[in-house]
Amino acid sequence: MKFDRAHDIQVKVNRILFILDLPHIDRTRVVCMRSWGSKSNAIAR
């Protein structure tokens, strides 16, 4: 499995955090990642 930063999602998350003004969340510590190459199928239930 490989991981890479998801800059497009990071921009959206930062904007949401700014608009909602959530002071208890440190935006510098929130990192969005994208993964691919897993050999298992994950199903959200």
PDB file of N, CA and C in Angstrom:
ATOM      1  N   MET A   1       0.844  -1.161   0.000  1.00  0.00           N
ATOM      2  CA  MET A   1       0.000   0.000   0.000  1.00  0.00           C
ATOM      3  C   MET A   1       0.898   1.234   0.000  1.00  0.00           C
ATOM      4  N   LYS A   2       0.514   2.211  -0.765  1.00  0.00           N
ATOM      5  CA  LYS A   2       1.286   3.453  -0.838  1.00  0.00           C
ATOM      6  C   LYS A   2       0.432   4.619  -0.366  1.00  0.00           C
ATOM      7  N   PHE A   3       1.115   5.606   0.180  1.00  0.00           N
ATOM      8  CA  PHE A   3       0.449   6.797   0.685  1.00  0.00           C
ATOM      9  C   PHE A   3       1.053   8.027   0.031  1.00  0.00           C
ATOM     10  N   ASP A   4       0.214   9.030  -0.146  1.00  0.00           N
ATOM     11  CA  ASP A   4       0.667  10.308  -0.684  1.00  0.00           C
ATOM     12  C   ASP A   4      -0.221  11.390  -0.091  1.00  0.00           C
ATOM     13  N   ARG A   5       0.318  12.570   0.042  1.00  0.00           N
ATOM     14  CA  ARG A   5      -0.491  13.673   0.554  1.00  0.00           C
ATOM     15  C   ARG A   5      -1.543  14.074  -0.468  1.00  0.00           C
ATOM     16  N   ALA A   6      -2.747  14.356   0.016  1.00  0.00           N
ATOM     17  CA  ALA A   6      -3.861  14.776  -0.838  1.00  0.00           C
ATOM     18  C   ALA A   6      -4.026  16.284  -0.680  1.00  0.00           C
ATOM     19  N   HIS A   7      -3.277  17.028  -1.480  1.00  0.00           N
ATOM     20  CA  HIS A   7      -3.291  18.489  -1.354  1.00  0.00           C
ATOM     21  C   HIS A   7      -4.654  19.077  -1.695  1.00  0.00           C
ATOM     22  N   ASP A   8      -5.367  18.474  -2.648  1.00  0.00           N
ATOM     23  CA  ASP A   8      -6.683  18.993  -3.014  1.00  0.00           C
ATOM     24  C   ASP A   8      -7.670  18.870  -1.851  1.00  0.00           C
ATOM     25  N   ILE A   9      -7.617  17.770  -1.131  1.00  0.00           N
ATOM     26  CA  ILE A   9      -8.487  17.582   0.026  1.00  0.00           C
ATOM     27  C   ILE A   9      -8.029  18.469   1.182  1.00  0.00           C
ATOM     28  N   GLN A  10      -6.724  18.649   1.323  1.00  0.00           N
ATOM     29  CA  GLN A  10      -6.179  19.490   2.389  1.00  0.00           C
ATOM     30  C   GLN A  10      -6.708  20.919   2.277  1.00  0.00           C
ATOM     31  N   VAL A  11      -6.775  21.438   1.058  1.00  0.00           N
ATOM     32  CA  VAL A  11      -7.292  22.792   0.840  1.00  0.00           C
ATOM     33  C   VAL A  11      -8.747  22.874   1.287  1.00  0.00           C
ATOM     34  N   LYS A  12      -9.534  21.869   0.949  1.00  0.00           N
ATOM     35  CA  LYS A  12     -10.950  21.864   1.328  1.00  0.00           C
ATOM     36  C   LYS A  12     -11.124  21.762   2.838  1.00  0.00           C
ATOM     37  N   VAL A  13     -10.337  20.916   3.480  1.00  0.00           N
ATOM     38  CA  VAL A  13     -10.426  20.756   4.935  1.00  0.00           C
ATOM     39  C   VAL A  13     -10.018  22.043   5.639  1.00  0.00           C
ATOM     40  N   ASN A  14      -8.939  22.671   5.185  1.00  0.00           N
ATOM     41  CA  ASN A  14      -8.502  23.934   5.794  1.00  0.00           C
ATOM     42  C   ASN A  14      -9.568  25.008   5.656  1.00  0.00           C
ATOM     43  N   ARG A  15     -10.229  25.037   4.517  1.00  0.00           N
ATOM     44  CA  ARG A  15     -11.284  26.035   4.307  1.00  0.00           C
ATOM     45  C   ARG A  15     -12.462  25.773   5.250  1.00  0.00           C
ATOM     46  N   ILE A  16     -12.840  24.515   5.396  1.00  0.00           N
ATOM     47  CA  ILE A  16     -13.936  24.164   6.304  1.00  0.00           C
ATOM     48  C   ILE A  16     -13.587  24.550   7.735  1.00  0.00           C
ATOM     49  N   LEU A  17     -12.364  24.244   8.166  1.00  0.00           N
ATOM     50  CA  LEU A  17     -11.953  24.588   9.528  1.00  0.00           C
ATOM     51  C   LEU A  17     -11.934  26.097   9.742  1.00  0.00           C
ATOM     52  N   PHE A  18     -11.549  26.845   8.714  1.00  0.00           N
ATOM     53  CA  PHE A  18     -11.525  28.305   8.822  1.00  0.00           C
ATOM     54  C   PHE A  18     -12.945  28.856   8.916  1.00  0.00           C
ATOM     55  N   ILE A  19     -13.842  28.358   8.072  1.00  0.00           N
ATOM     56  CA  ILE A  19     -15.218  28.862   8.042  1.00  0.00           C
ATOM     57  C   ILE A  19     -15.956  28.523   9.339  1.00  0.00           C
ATOM     58  N   LEU A  20     -15.766  27.313   9.841  1.00  0.00           N
ATOM     59  CA  LEU A  20     -16.467  26.894  11.058  1.00  0.00           C
ATOM     60  C   LEU A  20     -15.841  27.464  12.322  1.00  0.00           C
ATOM     61  N   ASP A  21     -14.639  28.012  12.205  1.00  0.00           N
ATOM     62  CA  ASP A  21     -13.935  28.622  13.339  1.00  0.00           C
ATOM     63  C   ASP A  21     -13.906  27.675  14.542  1.00  0.00           C
ATOM     64  N   LEU A  22     -13.159  26.588  14.370  1.00  0.00           N
ATOM     65  CA  LEU A  22     -13.025  25.591  15.427  1.00  0.00           C
ATOM     66  C   LEU A  22     -11.663  25.762  16.099  1.00  0.00           C
ATOM     67  N   PRO A  23     -11.603  26.562  17.162  1.00  0.00           N
ATOM     68  CA  PRO A  23     -10.309  26.878  17.776  1.00  0.00           C
ATOM     69  C   PRO A  23      -9.635  25.687  18.454  1.00  0.00           C
ATOM     70  N   HIS A  24     -10.387  24.638  18.770  1.00  0.00           N
ATOM     71  CA  HIS A  24      -9.796  23.480  19.449  1.00  0.00           C
ATOM     72  C   HIS A  24      -9.065  22.553  18.477  1.00  0.00           C
ATOM     73  N   ILE A  25      -9.172  22.814  17.171  1.00  0.00           N
ATOM     74  CA  ILE A  25      -8.467  22.007  16.173  1.00  0.00           C
ATOM     75  C   ILE A  25      -7.297  22.814  15.630  1.00  0.00           C
ATOM     76  N   ASP A  26      -6.096  22.276  15.783  1.00  0.00           N
ATOM     77  CA  ASP A  26      -4.888  22.924  15.277  1.00  0.00           C
ATOM     78  C   ASP A  26      -4.717  22.541  13.809  1.00  0.00           C
ATOM     79  N   ARG A  27      -4.973  23.486  12.911  1.00  0.00           N
ATOM     80  CA  ARG A  27      -4.936  23.201  11.469  1.00  0.00           C
ATOM     81  C   ARG A  27      -3.558  22.770  10.992  1.00  0.00           C
ATOM     82  N   THR A  28      -2.512  23.132  11.707  1.00  0.00           N
ATOM     83  CA  THR A  28      -1.167  22.735  11.284  1.00  0.00           C
ATOM     84  C   THR A  28      -0.903  21.254  11.551  1.00  0.00           C
ATOM     85  N   ARG A  29      -1.774  20.629  12.368  1.00  0.00           N
ATOM     86  CA  ARG A  29      -1.587  19.211  12.699  1.00  0.00           C
ATOM     87  C   ARG A  29      -2.526  18.287  11.932  1.00  0.00           C
ATOM     88  N   VAL A  30      -3.386  18.855  11.088  1.00  0.00           N
ATOM     89  CA  VAL A  30      -4.309  18.055  10.288  1.00  0.00           C
ATOM     90  C   VAL A  30      -3.657  17.795   8.937  1.00  0.00           C
ATOM     91  N   VAL A  31      -3.495  16.518   8.590  1.00  0.00           N
ATOM     92  CA  VAL A  31      -2.861  16.134   7.329  1.00  0.00           C
ATOM     93  C   VAL A  31      -3.792  15.184   6.591  1.00  0.00           C
ATOM     94  N   CYS A  32      -4.042  15.457   5.330  1.00  0.00           N
ATOM     95  CA  CYS A  32      -4.898  14.600   4.507  1.00  0.00           C
ATOM     96  C   CYS A  32      -4.015  13.717   3.634  1.00  0.00           C
ATOM     97  N   MET A  33      -4.296  12.421   3.673  1.00  0.00           N
ATOM     98  CA  MET A  33      -3.511  11.443   2.924  1.00  0.00           C
ATOM     99  C   MET A  33      -4.422  10.661   1.986  1.00  0.00           C
ATOM    100  N   ARG A  34      -3.838  10.171   0.916  1.00  0.00           N
ATOM    101  CA  ARG A  34      -4.540   9.307  -0.028  1.00  0.00           C
ATOM    102  C   ARG A  34      -3.736   8.018  -0.134  1.00  0.00           C
ATOM    103  N   SER A  35      -4.429   6.898  -0.128  1.00  0.00           N
ATOM    104  CA  SER A  35      -3.737   5.613  -0.223  1.00  0.00           C
ATOM    105  C   SER A  35      -4.233   4.848  -1.440  1.00  0.00           C
ATOM    106  N   TRP A  36      -3.357   3.981  -1.955  1.00  0.00           N
ATOM    107  CA  TRP A  36      -3.729   3.118  -3.065  1.00  0.00           C
ATOM    108  C   TRP A  36      -2.837   1.887  -3.046  1.00  0.00           C
ATOM    109  N   GLY A  37      -3.279   0.860  -3.743  1.00  0.00           N
ATOM    110  CA  GLY A  37      -2.469  -0.342  -3.829  1.00  0.00           C
ATOM    111  C   GLY A  37      -2.764  -1.391  -2.774  1.00  0.00           C
ATOM    112  N   SER A  38      -3.843  -1.234  -2.022  1.00  0.00           N
ATOM    113  CA  SER A  38      -4.186  -2.236  -1.022  1.00  0.00           C
ATOM    114  C   SER A  38      -4.713  -3.486  -1.717  1.00  0.00           C
ATOM    115  N   LYS A  39      -4.367  -4.636  -1.192  1.00  0.00           N
ATOM    116  CA  LYS A  39      -4.825  -5.892  -1.791  1.00  0.00           C
ATOM    117  C   LYS A  39      -6.155  -6.352  -1.212  1.00  0.00           C
ATOM    118  N   SER A  40      -6.640  -5.657  -0.200  1.00  0.00           N
ATOM    119  CA  SER A  40      -7.932  -6.025   0.387  1.00  0.00           C
ATOM    120  C   SER A  40      -8.990  -5.016  -0.038  1.00  0.00           C
ATOM    121  N   ASN A  41     -10.220  -5.454  -0.046  1.00  0.00           N
ATOM    122  CA  ASN A  41     -11.336  -4.574  -0.390  1.00  0.00           C
ATOM    123  C   ASN A  41     -11.973  -4.082   0.900  1.00  0.00           C
ATOM    124  N   ALA A  42     -11.998  -2.781   1.081  1.00  0.00           N
ATOM    125  CA  ALA A  42     -12.608  -2.199   2.268  1.00  0.00           C
ATOM    126  C   ALA A  42     -14.022  -1.758   1.915  1.00  0.00           C
ATOM    127  N   ILE A  43     -14.976  -2.152   2.726  1.00  0.00           N
ATOM    128  CA  ILE A  43     -16.369  -1.786   2.496  1.00  0.00           C
ATOM    129  C   ILE A  43     -16.855  -1.014   3.715  1.00  0.00           C
ATOM    130  N   ALA A  44     -17.350   0.203   3.480  1.00  0.00           N
ATOM    131  CA  ALA A  44     -17.892   1.010   4.573  1.00  0.00           C
ATOM    132  C   ALA A  44     -19.307   0.520   4.874  1.00  0.00           C
ATOM    133  N   ARG A  45     -19.565   0.267   6.130  1.00  0.00           N
ATOM    134  CA  ARG A  45     -20.909  -0.211   6.504  1.00  0.00           C
ATOM    135  C   ARG A  45     -21.540   0.740   7.469  1.00  0.00           C
TER     136      ARG A  45
END
